[in-house]
PDB file of N, CA and C in Angstrom:
ATOM      1  N   MET A   1      64.250-166.710 -79.099  1.00  0.00           N
ATOM      2  CA  MET A   1      64.169-166.625 -80.541  1.00  0.00           C
ATOM      3  C   MET A   1      65.375-167.321 -81.142  1.00  0.00           C
ATOM      4  N   ALA A   2      65.224-167.736 -82.357  1.00  0.00           N
ATOM      5  CA  ALA A   2      66.300-168.420 -83.069  1.00  0.00           C
ATOM      6  C   ALA A   2      67.525-167.511 -83.181  1.00  0.00           C
ATOM      7  N   ALA A   3      68.664-168.121 -83.384  1.00  0.00           N
ATOM      8  CA  ALA A   3      69.904-167.357 -83.512  1.00  0.00           C
ATOM      9  C   ALA A   3      69.813-166.394 -84.691  1.00  0.00           C
ATOM     10  N   PHE A   4      70.391-165.228 -84.558  1.00  0.00           N
ATOM     11  CA  PHE A   4      70.366-164.220 -85.614  1.00  0.00           C
ATOM     12  C   PHE A   4      71.170-164.706 -86.805  1.00  0.00           C
ATOM     13  N   THR A   5      70.519-164.797 -87.945  1.00  0.00           N
ATOM     14  CA  THR A   5      71.189-165.289 -89.149  1.00  0.00           C
ATOM     15  C   THR A   5      71.194-164.277 -90.277  1.00  0.00           C
ATOM     16  N   ASN A   6      70.469-163.166 -90.108  1.00  0.00           N
ATOM     17  CA  ASN A   6      70.338-162.157 -91.144  1.00  0.00           C
ATOM     18  C   ASN A   6      69.602-162.699 -92.364  1.00  0.00           C
ATOM     19  N   THR A   7      68.866-163.785 -92.196  1.00  0.00           N
ATOM     20  CA  THR A   7      68.043-164.328 -93.267  1.00  0.00           C
ATOM     21  C   THR A   7      66.643-164.526 -92.720  1.00  0.00           C
ATOM     22  N   THR A   8      65.691-163.888 -93.331  1.00  0.00           N
ATOM     23  CA  THR A   8      64.325-163.994 -92.862  1.00  0.00           C
ATOM     24  C   THR A   8      63.762-165.386 -93.123  1.00  0.00           C
ATOM     25  N   ILE A   9      63.007-165.885 -92.176  1.00  0.00           N
ATOM     26  CA  ILE A   9      62.369-167.187 -92.287  1.00  0.00           C
ATOM     27  C   ILE A   9      60.986-167.048 -92.902  1.00  0.00           C
ATOM     28  N   ILE A  10      60.289-165.972 -92.589  1.00  0.00           N
ATOM     29  CA  ILE A  10      58.871-165.885 -92.939  1.00  0.00           C
ATOM     30  C   ILE A  10      58.580-165.144 -94.241  1.00  0.00           C
ATOM     31  N   ALA A  11      59.585-164.588 -94.893  1.00  0.00           N
ATOM     32  CA  ALA A  11      59.369-163.907 -96.177  1.00  0.00           C
ATOM     33  C   ALA A  11      60.530-164.231 -97.108  1.00  0.00           C
ATOM     34  N   ASP A  12      60.317-165.149 -98.040  1.00  0.00           N
ATOM     35  CA  ASP A  12      61.423-165.476 -98.955  1.00  0.00           C
ATOM     36  C   ASP A  12      61.600-164.364 -99.983  1.00  0.00           C
ATOM     37  N   GLU A  13      62.617-164.478-100.817  1.00  0.00           N
ATOM     38  CA  GLU A  13      62.975-163.388-101.725  1.00  0.00           C
ATOM     39  C   GLU A  13      61.888-163.018-102.720  1.00  0.00           C
ATOM     40  N   ALA A  14      61.124-163.972-103.200  1.00  0.00           N
ATOM     41  CA  ALA A  14      60.140-163.694-104.242  1.00  0.00           C
ATOM     42  C   ALA A  14      58.918-162.965-103.707  1.00  0.00           C
ATOM     43  N   ASN A  15      58.478-163.279-102.522  1.00  0.00           N
ATOM     44  CA  ASN A  15      57.216-162.738-102.013  1.00  0.00           C
ATOM     45  C   ASN A  15      57.190-161.221-101.835  1.00  0.00           C
ATOM     46  N   PRO A  16      58.203-160.582-101.251  1.00  0.00           N
ATOM     47  CA  PRO A  16      58.115-159.126-101.061  1.00  0.00           C
ATOM     48  C   PRO A  16      58.032-158.340-102.367  1.00  0.00           C
ATOM     49  N   LEU A  17      58.546-158.889-103.441  1.00  0.00           N
ATOM     50  CA  LEU A  17      58.529-158.168-104.714  1.00  0.00           C
ATOM     51  C   LEU A  17      57.116-157.832-105.171  1.00  0.00           C
ATOM     52  N   ALA A  18      56.167-158.686-104.864  1.00  0.00           N
ATOM     53  CA  ALA A  18      54.779-158.439-105.249  1.00  0.00           C
ATOM     54  C   ALA A  18      54.211-157.207-104.555  1.00  0.00           C
ATOM     55  N   PHE A  19      54.762-156.840-103.422  1.00  0.00           N
ATOM     56  CA  PHE A  19      54.268-155.697-102.652  1.00  0.00           C
ATOM     57  C   PHE A  19      55.023-154.404-102.966  1.00  0.00           C
ATOM     58  N   CYS A  20      56.151-154.513-103.635  1.00  0.00           N
ATOM     59  CA  CYS A  20      56.998-153.337-103.881  1.00  0.00           C
ATOM     60  C   CYS A  20      56.489-152.446-105.011  1.00  0.00           C
ATOM     61  N   GLY A  21      55.828-153.026-105.974  1.00  0.00           N
ATOM     62  CA  GLY A  21      55.400-152.259-107.139  1.00  0.00           C
ATOM     63  C   GLY A  21      56.471-152.270-108.212  1.00  0.00           C
ATOM     64  N   GLU A  22      56.055-151.990-109.424  1.00  0.00           N
ATOM     65  CA  GLU A  22      56.971-152.112-110.563  1.00  0.00           C
ATOM     66  C   GLU A  22      57.990-150.982-110.646  1.00  0.00           C
ATOM     67  N   LEU A  23      57.783-149.899-109.933  1.00  0.00           N
ATOM     68  CA  LEU A  23      58.669-148.738-110.048  1.00  0.00           C
ATOM     69  C   LEU A  23      59.731-148.672-108.957  1.00  0.00           C
ATOM     70  N   VAL A  24      59.798-149.695-108.118  1.00  0.00           N
ATOM     71  CA  VAL A  24      60.770-149.685-107.033  1.00  0.00           C
ATOM     72  C   VAL A  24      62.191-149.801-107.601  1.00  0.00           C
ATOM     73  N   ASP A  25      63.127-149.172-106.939  1.00  0.00           N
ATOM     74  CA  ASP A  25      64.533-149.185-107.359  1.00  0.00           C
ATOM     75  C   ASP A  25      65.089-150.608-107.269  1.00  0.00           C
ATOM     76  N   VAL A  26      65.603-151.119-108.378  1.00  0.00           N
ATOM     77  CA  VAL A  26      66.100-152.499-108.409  1.00  0.00           C
ATOM     78  C   VAL A  26      67.400-152.677-107.630  1.00  0.00           C
ATOM     79  N   THR A  27      68.033-151.589-107.221  1.00  0.00           N
ATOM     80  CA  THR A  27      69.259-151.740-106.441  1.00  0.00           C
ATOM     81  C   THR A  27      68.979-152.088-104.984  1.00  0.00           C
ATOM     82  N   PHE A  28      67.708-151.972-104.558  1.00  0.00           N
ATOM     83  CA  PHE A  28      67.324-152.478-103.237  1.00  0.00           C
ATOM     84  C   PHE A  28      67.139-153.975-103.402  1.00  0.00           C
ATOM     85  N   THR A  29      68.097-154.733-102.920  1.00  0.00           N
ATOM     86  CA  THR A  29      68.032-156.178-103.123  1.00  0.00           C
ATOM     87  C   THR A  29      67.320-156.837-101.956  1.00  0.00           C
ATOM     88  N   ILE A  30      66.307-157.601-102.290  1.00  0.00           N
ATOM     89  CA  ILE A  30      65.530-158.295-101.273  1.00  0.00           C
ATOM     90  C   ILE A  30      66.422-159.288-100.530  1.00  0.00           C
ATOM     91  N   GLY A  31      67.358-159.896-101.232  1.00  0.00           N
ATOM     92  CA  GLY A  31      68.216-160.914-100.625  1.00  0.00           C
ATOM     93  C   GLY A  31      69.175-160.392 -99.570  1.00  0.00           C
ATOM     94  N   THR A  32      69.498-159.111 -99.587  1.00  0.00           N
ATOM     95  CA  THR A  32      70.421-158.579 -98.571  1.00  0.00           C
ATOM     96  C   THR A  32      69.713-157.573 -97.679  1.00  0.00           C
ATOM     97  N   MET A  33      69.365-156.434 -98.239  1.00  0.00           N
ATOM     98  CA  MET A  33      68.712-155.392 -97.427  1.00  0.00           C
ATOM     99  C   MET A  33      67.336-155.854 -96.954  1.00  0.00           C
ATOM    100  N   GLY A  34      66.608-156.532 -97.813  1.00  0.00           N
ATOM    101  CA  GLY A  34      65.277-157.011 -97.451  1.00  0.00           C
ATOM    102  C   GLY A  34      65.318-158.061 -96.367  1.00  0.00           C
ATOM    103  N   ASP A  35      66.323-158.925 -96.408  1.00  0.00           N
ATOM    104  CA  ASP A  35      66.455-159.935 -95.364  1.00  0.00           C
ATOM    105  C   ASP A  35      66.658-159.302 -94.002  1.00  0.00           C
ATOM    106  N   LEU A  36      67.444-158.251 -93.944  1.00  0.00           N
ATOM    107  CA  LEU A  36      67.686-157.585 -92.670  1.00  0.00           C
ATOM    108  C   LEU A  36      66.385-157.004 -92.108  1.00  0.00           C
ATOM    109  N   VAL A  37      65.606-156.348 -92.962  1.00  0.00           N
ATOM    110  CA  VAL A  37      64.307-155.821 -92.530  1.00  0.00           C
ATOM    111  C   VAL A  37      63.405-156.971 -92.097  1.00  0.00           C
ATOM    112  N   GLY A  38      63.439-158.076 -92.829  1.00  0.00           N
ATOM    113  CA  GLY A  38      62.631-159.239 -92.486  1.00  0.00           C
ATOM    114  C   GLY A  38      62.963-159.803 -91.127  1.00  0.00           C
ATOM    115  N   VAL A  39      64.240-159.861 -90.799  1.00  0.00           N
ATOM    116  CA  VAL A  39      64.666-160.383 -89.499  1.00  0.00           C
ATOM    117  C   VAL A  39      64.174-159.470 -88.374  1.00  0.00           C
ATOM    118  N   TYR A  40      64.306-158.165 -88.568  1.00  0.00           N
ATOM    119  CA  TYR A  40      63.800-157.233 -87.561  1.00  0.00           C
ATOM    120  C   TYR A  40      62.285-157.344 -87.424  1.00  0.00           C
ATOM    121  N   THR A  41      61.604-157.535 -88.528  1.00  0.00           N
ATOM    122  CA  THR A  41      60.147-157.688 -88.500  1.00  0.00           C
ATOM    123  C   THR A  41      59.757-158.961 -87.761  1.00  0.00           C
ATOM    124  N   GLU A  42      60.499-160.026 -87.975  1.00  0.00           N
ATOM    125  CA  GLU A  42      60.234-161.274 -87.258  1.00  0.00           C
ATOM    126  C   GLU A  42      60.343-161.066 -85.747  1.00  0.00           C
ATOM    127  N   ALA A  43      61.370-160.349 -85.336  1.00  0.00           N
ATOM    128  CA  ALA A  43      61.547-160.085 -83.907  1.00  0.00           C
ATOM    129  C   ALA A  43      60.367-159.275 -83.370  1.00  0.00           C
ATOM    130  N   TYR A  44      59.925-158.286 -84.123  1.00  0.00           N
ATOM    131  CA  TYR A  44      58.775-157.481 -83.703  1.00  0.00           C
ATOM    132  C   TYR A  44      57.526-158.348 -83.579  1.00  0.00           C
ATOM    133  N   LEU A  45      57.281-159.205 -84.565  1.00  0.00           N
ATOM    134  CA  LEU A  45      56.100-160.061 -84.523  1.00  0.00           C
ATOM    135  C   LEU A  45      56.150-161.041 -83.351  1.00  0.00           C
ATOM    136  N   CYS A  46      57.336-161.573 -83.061  1.00  0.00           N
ATOM    137  CA  CYS A  46      57.485-162.465 -81.902  1.00  0.00           C
ATOM    138  C   CYS A  46      57.108-161.730 -80.619  1.00  0.00           C
ATOM    139  N   ALA A  47      57.552-160.492 -80.496  1.00  0.00           N
ATOM    140  CA  ALA A  47      57.223-159.702 -79.308  1.00  0.00           C
ATOM    141  C   ALA A  47      55.739-159.358 -79.286  1.00  0.00           C
ATOM    142  N   LEU A  48      55.172-159.061 -80.431  1.00  0.00           N
ATOM    143  CA  LEU A  48      53.761-158.689 -80.506  1.00  0.00           C
ATOM    144  C   LEU A  48      52.849-159.820 -80.043  1.00  0.00           C
ATOM    145  N   VAL A  49      53.121-161.028 -80.521  1.00  0.00           N
ATOM    146  CA  VAL A  49      52.253-162.157 -80.159  1.00  0.00           C
ATOM    147  C   VAL A  49      52.760-162.922 -78.946  1.00  0.00           C
ATOM    148  N   LYS A  50      53.905-162.507 -78.426  1.00  0.00           N
ATOM    149  CA  LYS A  50      54.501-163.146 -77.243  1.00  0.00           C
ATOM    150  C   LYS A  50      54.727-164.646 -77.475  1.00  0.00           C
ATOM    151  N   TYR A  51      55.268-164.943 -78.662  1.00  0.00           N
ATOM    152  CA  TYR A  51      55.498-166.334 -79.057  1.00  0.00           C
ATOM    153  C   TYR A  51      56.597-166.330 -80.107  1.00  0.00           C
ATOM    154  N   ASP A  52      57.513-167.262 -80.011  1.00  0.00           N
ATOM    155  CA  ASP A  52      58.625-167.322 -80.964  1.00  0.00           C
ATOM    156  C   ASP A  52      58.156-167.991 -82.256  1.00  0.00           C
ATOM    157  N   ILE A  53      57.599-167.182 -83.147  1.00  0.00           N
ATOM    158  CA  ILE A  53      57.087-167.731 -84.397  1.00  0.00           C
ATOM    159  C   ILE A  53      58.202-168.231 -85.311  1.00  0.00           C
ATOM    160  N   VAL A  54      59.401-167.707 -85.151  1.00  0.00           N
ATOM    161  CA  VAL A  54      60.514-168.108 -86.011  1.00  0.00           C
ATOM    162  C   VAL A  54      60.956-169.536 -85.689  1.00  0.00           C
ATOM    163  N   THR A  55      61.237-169.795 -84.423  1.00  0.00           N
ATOM    164  CA  THR A  55      61.670-171.130 -84.014  1.00  0.00           C
ATOM    165  C   THR A  55      60.564-172.154 -84.242  1.00  0.00           C
ATOM    166  N   ASN A  56      59.325-171.739 -84.029  1.00  0.00           N
ATOM    167  CA  ASN A  56      58.187-172.657 -84.133  1.00  0.00           C
ATOM    168  C   ASN A  56      57.435-172.533 -85.454  1.00  0.00           C
ATOM    169  N   TRP A  57      58.085-172.015 -86.471  1.00  0.00           N
ATOM    170  CA  TRP A  57      57.448-171.758 -87.758  1.00  0.00           C
ATOM    171  C   TRP A  57      56.794-173.015 -88.343  1.00  0.00           C
ATOM    172  N   ALA A  58      57.465-174.116 -88.304  1.00  0.00           N
ATOM    173  CA  ALA A  58      56.946-175.350 -88.910  1.00  0.00           C
ATOM    174  C   ALA A  58      55.664-175.831 -88.244  1.00  0.00           C
ATOM    175  N   SER A  59      55.466-175.504 -86.979  1.00  0.00           N
ATOM    176  CA  SER A  59      54.290-176.002 -86.262  1.00  0.00           C
ATOM    177  C   SER A  59      53.074-175.071 -86.371  1.00  0.00           C
ATOM    178  N   LEU A  60      53.241-173.901 -87.005  1.00  0.00           N
ATOM    179  CA  LEU A  60      52.127-172.956 -87.101  1.00  0.00           C
ATOM    180  C   LEU A  60      51.128-173.375 -88.176  1.00  0.00           C
ATOM    181  N   ASN A  61      49.878-172.986 -87.953  1.00  0.00           N
ATOM    182  CA  ASN A  61      48.805-173.177 -88.914  1.00  0.00           C
ATOM    183  C   ASN A  61      49.156-172.422 -90.200  1.00  0.00           C
ATOM    184  N   ALA A  62      48.821-172.988 -91.354  1.00  0.00           N
ATOM    185  CA  ALA A  62      49.147-172.383 -92.646  1.00  0.00           C
ATOM    186  C   ALA A  62      48.536-170.998 -92.815  1.00  0.00           C
ATOM    187  N   VAL A  63      47.342-170.781 -92.287  1.00  0.00           N
ATOM    188  CA  VAL A  63      46.691-169.477 -92.403  1.00  0.00           C
ATOM    189  C   VAL A  63      47.489-168.417 -91.638  1.00  0.00           C
ATOM    190  N   TYR A  64      47.943-168.753 -90.438  1.00  0.00           N
ATOM    191  CA  TYR A  64      48.719-167.790 -89.657  1.00  0.00           C
ATOM    192  C   TYR A  64      50.076-167.542 -90.288  1.00  0.00           C
ATOM    193  N   LYS A  65      50.641-168.556 -90.911  1.00  0.00           N
ATOM    194  CA  LYS A  65      51.899-168.344 -91.632  1.00  0.00           C
ATOM    195  C   LYS A  65      51.714-167.288 -92.717  1.00  0.00           C
ATOM    196  N   LEU A  66      50.601-167.361 -93.433  1.00  0.00           N
ATOM    197  CA  LEU A  66      50.330-166.382 -94.484  1.00  0.00           C
ATOM    198  C   LEU A  66      50.186-164.975 -93.913  1.00  0.00           C
ATOM    199  N   ILE A  67      49.523-164.857 -92.786  1.00  0.00           N
ATOM    200  CA  ILE A  67      49.341-163.539 -92.166  1.00  0.00           C
ATOM    201  C   ILE A  67      50.689-162.966 -91.738  1.00  0.00           C
ATOM    202  N   PHE A  68      51.511-163.778 -91.087  1.00  0.00           N
ATOM    203  CA  PHE A  68      52.842-163.310 -90.669  1.00  0.00           C
ATOM    204  C   PHE A  68      53.700-162.961 -91.884  1.00  0.00           C
ATOM    205  N   SER A  69      53.624-163.783 -92.922  1.00  0.00           N
ATOM    206  CA  SER A  69      54.413-163.527 -94.126  1.00  0.00           C
ATOM    207  C   SER A  69      53.971-162.241 -94.816  1.00  0.00           C
ATOM    208  N   GLU A  70      52.669-162.021 -94.886  1.00  0.00           N
ATOM    209  CA  GLU A  70      52.176-160.790 -95.497  1.00  0.00           C
ATOM    210  C   GLU A  70      52.713-159.574 -94.751  1.00  0.00           C
ATOM    211  N   TYR A  71      52.679-159.632 -93.435  1.00  0.00           N
ATOM    212  CA  TYR A  71      53.170-158.516 -92.624  1.00  0.00           C
ATOM    213  C   TYR A  71      54.649-158.247 -92.938  1.00  0.00           C
ATOM    214  N   ALA A  72      55.449-159.297 -92.957  1.00  0.00           N
ATOM    215  CA  ALA A  72      56.884-159.138 -93.228  1.00  0.00           C
ATOM    216  C   ALA A  72      57.123-158.618 -94.644  1.00  0.00           C
ATOM    217  N   CYS A  73      56.386-159.130 -95.612  1.00  0.00           N
ATOM    218  CA  CYS A  73      56.547-158.673 -96.992  1.00  0.00           C
ATOM    219  C   CYS A  73      56.212-157.195 -97.127  1.00  0.00           C
ATOM    220  N   ARG A  74      55.166-156.775 -96.455  1.00  0.00           N
ATOM    221  CA  ARG A  74      54.792-155.359 -96.506  1.00  0.00           C
ATOM    222  C   ARG A  74      55.853-154.481 -95.833  1.00  0.00           C
ATOM    223  N   ALA A  75      56.431-154.946 -94.733  1.00  0.00           N
ATOM    224  CA  ALA A  75      57.499-154.185 -94.065  1.00  0.00           C
ATOM    225  C   ALA A  75      58.712-154.048 -94.981  1.00  0.00           C
ATOM    226  N   ILE A  76      59.062-155.123 -95.654  1.00  0.00           N
ATOM    227  CA  ILE A  76      60.190-155.086 -96.599  1.00  0.00           C
ATOM    228  C   ILE A  76      59.871-154.153 -97.763  1.00  0.00           C
ATOM    229  N   ALA A  77      58.638-154.220 -98.271  1.00  0.00           N
ATOM    230  CA  ALA A  77      58.243-153.355 -99.384  1.00  0.00           C
ATOM    231  C   ALA A  77      58.323-151.884 -99.003  1.00  0.00           C
ATOM    232  N   ILE A  78      57.921-151.550 -97.795  1.00  0.00           N
ATOM    233  CA  ILE A  78      58.013-150.152 -97.344  1.00  0.00           C
ATOM    234  C   ILE A  78      59.457-149.676 -97.403  1.00  0.00           C
ATOM    235  N   GLU A  79      60.370-150.490 -96.906  1.00  0.00           N
ATOM    236  CA  GLU A  79      61.786-150.097 -96.924  1.00  0.00           C
ATOM    237  C   GLU A  79      62.310-150.005 -98.347  1.00  0.00           C
ATOM    238  N   ALA A  80      61.858-150.889 -99.229  1.00  0.00           N
ATOM    239  CA  ALA A  80      62.284-150.835-100.632  1.00  0.00           C
ATOM    240  C   ALA A  80      61.785-149.559-101.304  1.00  0.00           C
ATOM    241  N   ILE A  81      60.549-149.190-101.028  1.00  0.00           N
ATOM    242  CA  ILE A  81      59.981-147.958-101.611  1.00  0.00           C
ATOM    243  C   ILE A  81      60.708-146.742-101.047  1.00  0.00           C
ATOM    244  N   LYS A  82      60.958-146.724 -99.746  1.00  0.00           N
ATOM    245  CA  LYS A  82      61.649-145.590 -99.112  1.00  0.00           C
ATOM    246  C   LYS A  82      63.096-145.466 -99.572  1.00  0.00           C
ATOM    247  N   TYR A  83      63.695-146.571 -99.953  1.00  0.00           N
ATOM    248  CA  TYR A  83      65.109-146.596-100.328  1.00  0.00           C
ATOM    249  C   TYR A  83      65.423-145.573-101.416  1.00  0.00           C
ATOM    250  N   ASN A  84      64.561-145.499-102.432  1.00  0.00           N
ATOM    251  CA  ASN A  84      64.764-144.526-103.504  1.00  0.00           C
ATOM    252  C   ASN A  84      63.434-144.330-104.221  1.00  0.00           C
ATOM    253  N   MET A  85      62.816-143.199-104.006  1.00  0.00           N
ATOM    254  CA  MET A  85      61.510-142.922-104.598  1.00  0.00           C
ATOM    255  C   MET A  85      61.594-142.312-105.991  1.00  0.00           C
ATOM    256  N   ALA A  86      62.798-142.177-106.532  1.00  0.00           N
ATOM    257  CA  ALA A  86      62.979-141.486-107.809  1.00  0.00           C
ATOM    258  C   ALA A  86      62.282-142.184-108.976  1.00  0.00           C
ATOM    259  N   GLY A  87      62.086-143.481-108.903  1.00  0.00           N
ATOM    260  CA  GLY A  87      61.460-144.199-110.009  1.00  0.00           C
ATOM    261  C   GLY A  87      59.956-144.013-110.104  1.00  0.00           C
ATOM    262  N   PHE A  88      59.352-143.509-109.057  1.00  0.00           N
ATOM    263  CA  PHE A  88      57.910-143.315-109.058  1.00  0.00           C
ATOM    264  C   PHE A  88      57.562-142.014-109.767  1.00  0.00           C
ATOM    265  N   SER A  89      56.327-141.912-110.261  1.00  0.00           N
ATOM    266  CA  SER A  89      55.924-140.705-110.994  1.00  0.00           C
ATOM    267  C   SER A  89      55.942-139.474-110.091  1.00  0.00           C
ATOM    268  N   SER A  90      55.775-139.695-108.790  1.00  0.00           N
ATOM    269  CA  SER A  90      55.889-138.602-107.822  1.00  0.00           C
ATOM    270  C   SER A  90      56.151-139.200-106.448  1.00  0.00           C
ATOM    271  N   ARG A  91      56.615-138.356-105.563  1.00  0.00           N
ATOM    272  CA  ARG A  91      56.807-138.804-104.181  1.00  0.00           C
ATOM    273  C   ARG A  91      55.459-139.177-103.554  1.00  0.00           C
ATOM    274  N   ILE A  92      54.421-138.478-103.959  1.00  0.00           N
ATOM    275  CA  ILE A  92      53.080-138.766-103.440  1.00  0.00           C
ATOM    276  C   ILE A  92      52.665-140.190-103.802  1.00  0.00           C
ATOM    277  N   GLU A  93      52.953-140.620-105.020  1.00  0.00           N
ATOM    278  CA  GLU A  93      52.620-141.987-105.422  1.00  0.00           C
ATOM    279  C   GLU A  93      53.332-142.990-104.519  1.00  0.00           C
ATOM    280  N   ALA A  94      54.609-142.775-104.276  1.00  0.00           N
ATOM    281  CA  ALA A  94      55.379-143.679-103.414  1.00  0.00           C
ATOM    282  C   ALA A  94      54.837-143.652-101.986  1.00  0.00           C
ATOM    283  N   GLU A  95      54.536-142.471-101.484  1.00  0.00           N
ATOM    284  CA  GLU A  95      54.000-142.357-100.129  1.00  0.00           C
ATOM    285  C   GLU A  95      52.621-143.004-100.018  1.00  0.00           C
ATOM    286  N   ASP A  96      51.811-142.907-101.065  1.00  0.00           N
ATOM    287  CA  ASP A  96      50.510-143.580-101.063  1.00  0.00           C
ATOM    288  C   ASP A  96      50.679-145.090-100.944  1.00  0.00           C
ATOM    289  N   MET A  97      51.649-145.628-101.658  1.00  0.00           N
ATOM    290  CA  MET A  97      51.910-147.069-101.567  1.00  0.00           C
ATOM    291  C   MET A  97      52.327-147.442-100.145  1.00  0.00           C
ATOM    292  N   ILE A  98      53.193-146.633 -99.564  1.00  0.00           N
ATOM    293  CA  ILE A  98      53.623-146.883 -98.187  1.00  0.00           C
ATOM    294  C   ILE A  98      52.431-146.824 -97.237  1.00  0.00           C
ATOM    295  N   ASN A  99      51.589-145.830 -97.403  1.00  0.00           N
ATOM    296  CA  ASN A  99      50.429-145.685 -96.522  1.00  0.00           C
ATOM    297  C   ASN A  99      49.488-146.885 -96.604  1.00  0.00           C
ATOM    298  N   ILE A 100      49.319-147.444 -97.778  1.00  0.00           N
ATOM    299  CA  ILE A 100      48.487-148.638 -97.936  1.00  0.00           C
ATOM    300  C   ILE A 100      49.093-149.800 -97.155  1.00  0.00           C
ATOM    301  N   HIS A 101      50.413-149.956 -97.259  1.00  0.00           N
ATOM    302  CA  HIS A 101      51.084-151.029 -96.514  1.00  0.00           C
ATOM    303  C   HIS A 101      50.945-150.819 -95.006  1.00  0.00           C
ATOM    304  N   VAL A 102      51.155-149.600 -94.554  1.00  0.00           N
ATOM    305  CA  VAL A 102      51.061-149.303 -93.119  1.00  0.00           C
ATOM    306  C   VAL A 102      49.652-149.591 -92.614  1.00  0.00           C
ATOM    307  N   TRP A 103      48.640-149.181 -93.385  1.00  0.00           N
ATOM    308  CA  TRP A 103      47.254-149.433 -92.966  1.00  0.00           C
ATOM    309  C   TRP A 103      47.011-150.931 -92.807  1.00  0.00           C
ATOM    310  N   ARG A 104      47.425-151.702 -93.794  1.00  0.00           N
ATOM    311  CA  ARG A 104      47.193-153.148 -93.730  1.00  0.00           C
ATOM    312  C   ARG A 104      47.975-153.775 -92.574  1.00  0.00           C
ATOM    313  N   MET A 105      49.189-153.327 -92.327  1.00  0.00           N
ATOM    314  CA  MET A 105      49.987-153.857 -91.224  1.00  0.00           C
ATOM    315  C   MET A 105      49.319-153.569 -89.885  1.00  0.00           C
ATOM    316  N   LYS A 106      48.747-152.392 -89.740  1.00  0.00           N
ATOM    317  CA  LYS A 106      48.028-152.058 -88.497  1.00  0.00           C
ATOM    318  C   LYS A 106      46.817-152.970 -88.316  1.00  0.00           C
ATOM    319  N   GLU A 107      46.122-153.283 -89.404  1.00  0.00           N
ATOM    320  CA  GLU A 107      44.984-154.196 -89.327  1.00  0.00           C
ATOM    321  C   GLU A 107      45.440-155.597 -88.921  1.00  0.00           C
ATOM    322  N   ILE A 108      46.564-156.034 -89.440  1.00  0.00           N
ATOM    323  CA  ILE A 108      47.111-157.342 -89.064  1.00  0.00           C
ATOM    324  C   ILE A 108      47.498-157.335 -87.587  1.00  0.00           C
ATOM    325  N   GLU A 109      48.103-156.246 -87.118  1.00  0.00           N
ATOM    326  CA  GLU A 109      48.460-156.144 -85.698  1.00  0.00           C
ATOM    327  C   GLU A 109      47.224-156.248 -84.814  1.00  0.00           C
ATOM    328  N   LYS A 110      46.144-155.585 -85.208  1.00  0.00           N
ATOM    329  CA  LYS A 110      44.897-155.678 -84.442  1.00  0.00           C
ATOM    330  C   LYS A 110      44.429-157.129 -84.360  1.00  0.00           C
ATOM    331  N   LEU A 111      44.482-157.807 -85.479  1.00  0.00           N
ATOM    332  CA  LEU A 111      44.063-159.205 -85.523  1.00  0.00           C
ATOM    333  C   LEU A 111      44.938-160.077 -84.619  1.00  0.00           C
ATOM    334  N   LEU A 112      46.242-159.909 -84.731  1.00  0.00           N
ATOM    335  CA  LEU A 112      47.170-160.767 -83.990  1.00  0.00           C
ATOM    336  C   LEU A 112      47.129-160.539 -82.479  1.00  0.00           C
ATOM    337  N   THR A 113      46.658-159.384 -82.057  1.00  0.00           N
ATOM    338  CA  THR A 113      46.599-159.119 -80.615  1.00  0.00           C
ATOM    339  C   THR A 113      45.251-159.489 -80.007  1.00  0.00           C
ATOM    340  N   GLN A 114      44.317-159.970 -80.808  1.00  0.00           N
ATOM    341  CA  GLN A 114      43.033-160.424 -80.272  1.00  0.00           C
ATOM    342  C   GLN A 114      43.245-161.697 -79.456  1.00  0.00           C
ATOM    343  N   GLU A 115      42.559-161.777 -78.358  1.00  0.00           N
ATOM    344  CA  GLU A 115      42.707-162.930 -77.466  1.00  0.00           C
ATOM    345  C   GLU A 115      42.376-164.244 -78.166  1.00  0.00           C
ATOM    346  N   SER A 116      41.365-164.252 -79.017  1.00  0.00           N
ATOM    347  CA  SER A 116      40.979-165.484 -79.701  1.00  0.00           C
ATOM    348  C   SER A 116      42.088-165.990 -80.627  1.00  0.00           C
ATOM    349  N   VAL A 117      42.783-165.068 -81.263  1.00  0.00           N
ATOM    350  CA  VAL A 117      43.886-165.459 -82.131  1.00  0.00           C
ATOM    351  C   VAL A 117      45.055-165.951 -81.292  1.00  0.00           C
ATOM    352  N   GLN A 118      45.355-165.263 -80.217  1.00  0.00           N
ATOM    353  CA  GLN A 118      46.452-165.671 -79.348  1.00  0.00           C
ATOM    354  C   GLN A 118      46.171-167.063 -78.770  1.00  0.00           C
ATOM    355  N   ASN A 119      44.901-167.321 -78.402  1.00  0.00           N
ATOM    356  CA  ASN A 119      44.552-168.651 -77.880  1.00  0.00           C
ATOM    357  C   ASN A 119      44.768-169.705 -78.948  1.00  0.00           C
ATOM    358  N   PHE A 120      44.395-169.386 -80.176  1.00  0.00           N
ATOM    359  CA  PHE A 120      44.553-170.342 -81.262  1.00  0.00           C
ATOM    360  C   PHE A 120      46.033-170.646 -81.521  1.00  0.00           C
ATOM    361  N   LEU A 121      46.878-169.623 -81.379  1.00  0.00           N
ATOM    362  CA  LEU A 121      48.305-169.825 -81.559  1.00  0.00           C
ATOM    363  C   LEU A 121      48.926-170.625 -80.427  1.00  0.00           C
ATOM    364  N   GLY A 122      48.206-170.706 -79.326  1.00  0.00           N
ATOM    365  CA  GLY A 122      48.726-171.433 -78.170  1.00  0.00           C
ATOM    366  C   GLY A 122      49.621-170.591 -77.306  1.00  0.00           C
ATOM    367  N   VAL A 123      49.451-169.273 -77.335  1.00  0.00           N
ATOM    368  CA  VAL A 123      50.292-168.390 -76.516  1.00  0.00           C
ATOM    369  C   VAL A 123      49.464-167.751 -75.430  1.00  0.00           C
TER     370      VAL A 123
END
């Protein structure tokens, strides 16, 4: 995998905000705390697909880039929501948002571990 830089390659600063919701605490900065979560997520995805998607990012199909980016954005959004749930109307609302992200991430994991997808990625 590429050298650790503490800067995510697959989820830039603007993208995770769309997944966080309007009530997320603004003190959770995507550029610092979110980048760290993004880097850890990249490592997890590399292990999941058994392919260094970070180093080989430029050579990936655009559709797969979107899938990997969505996964990373959702992981960052979960951490942003968990960081401080006080802005939400209730803890249940915040937890519901997290559960939606977790469900979608599990669906993406199922997709990425299918043999046909792995063959397409060249791994």
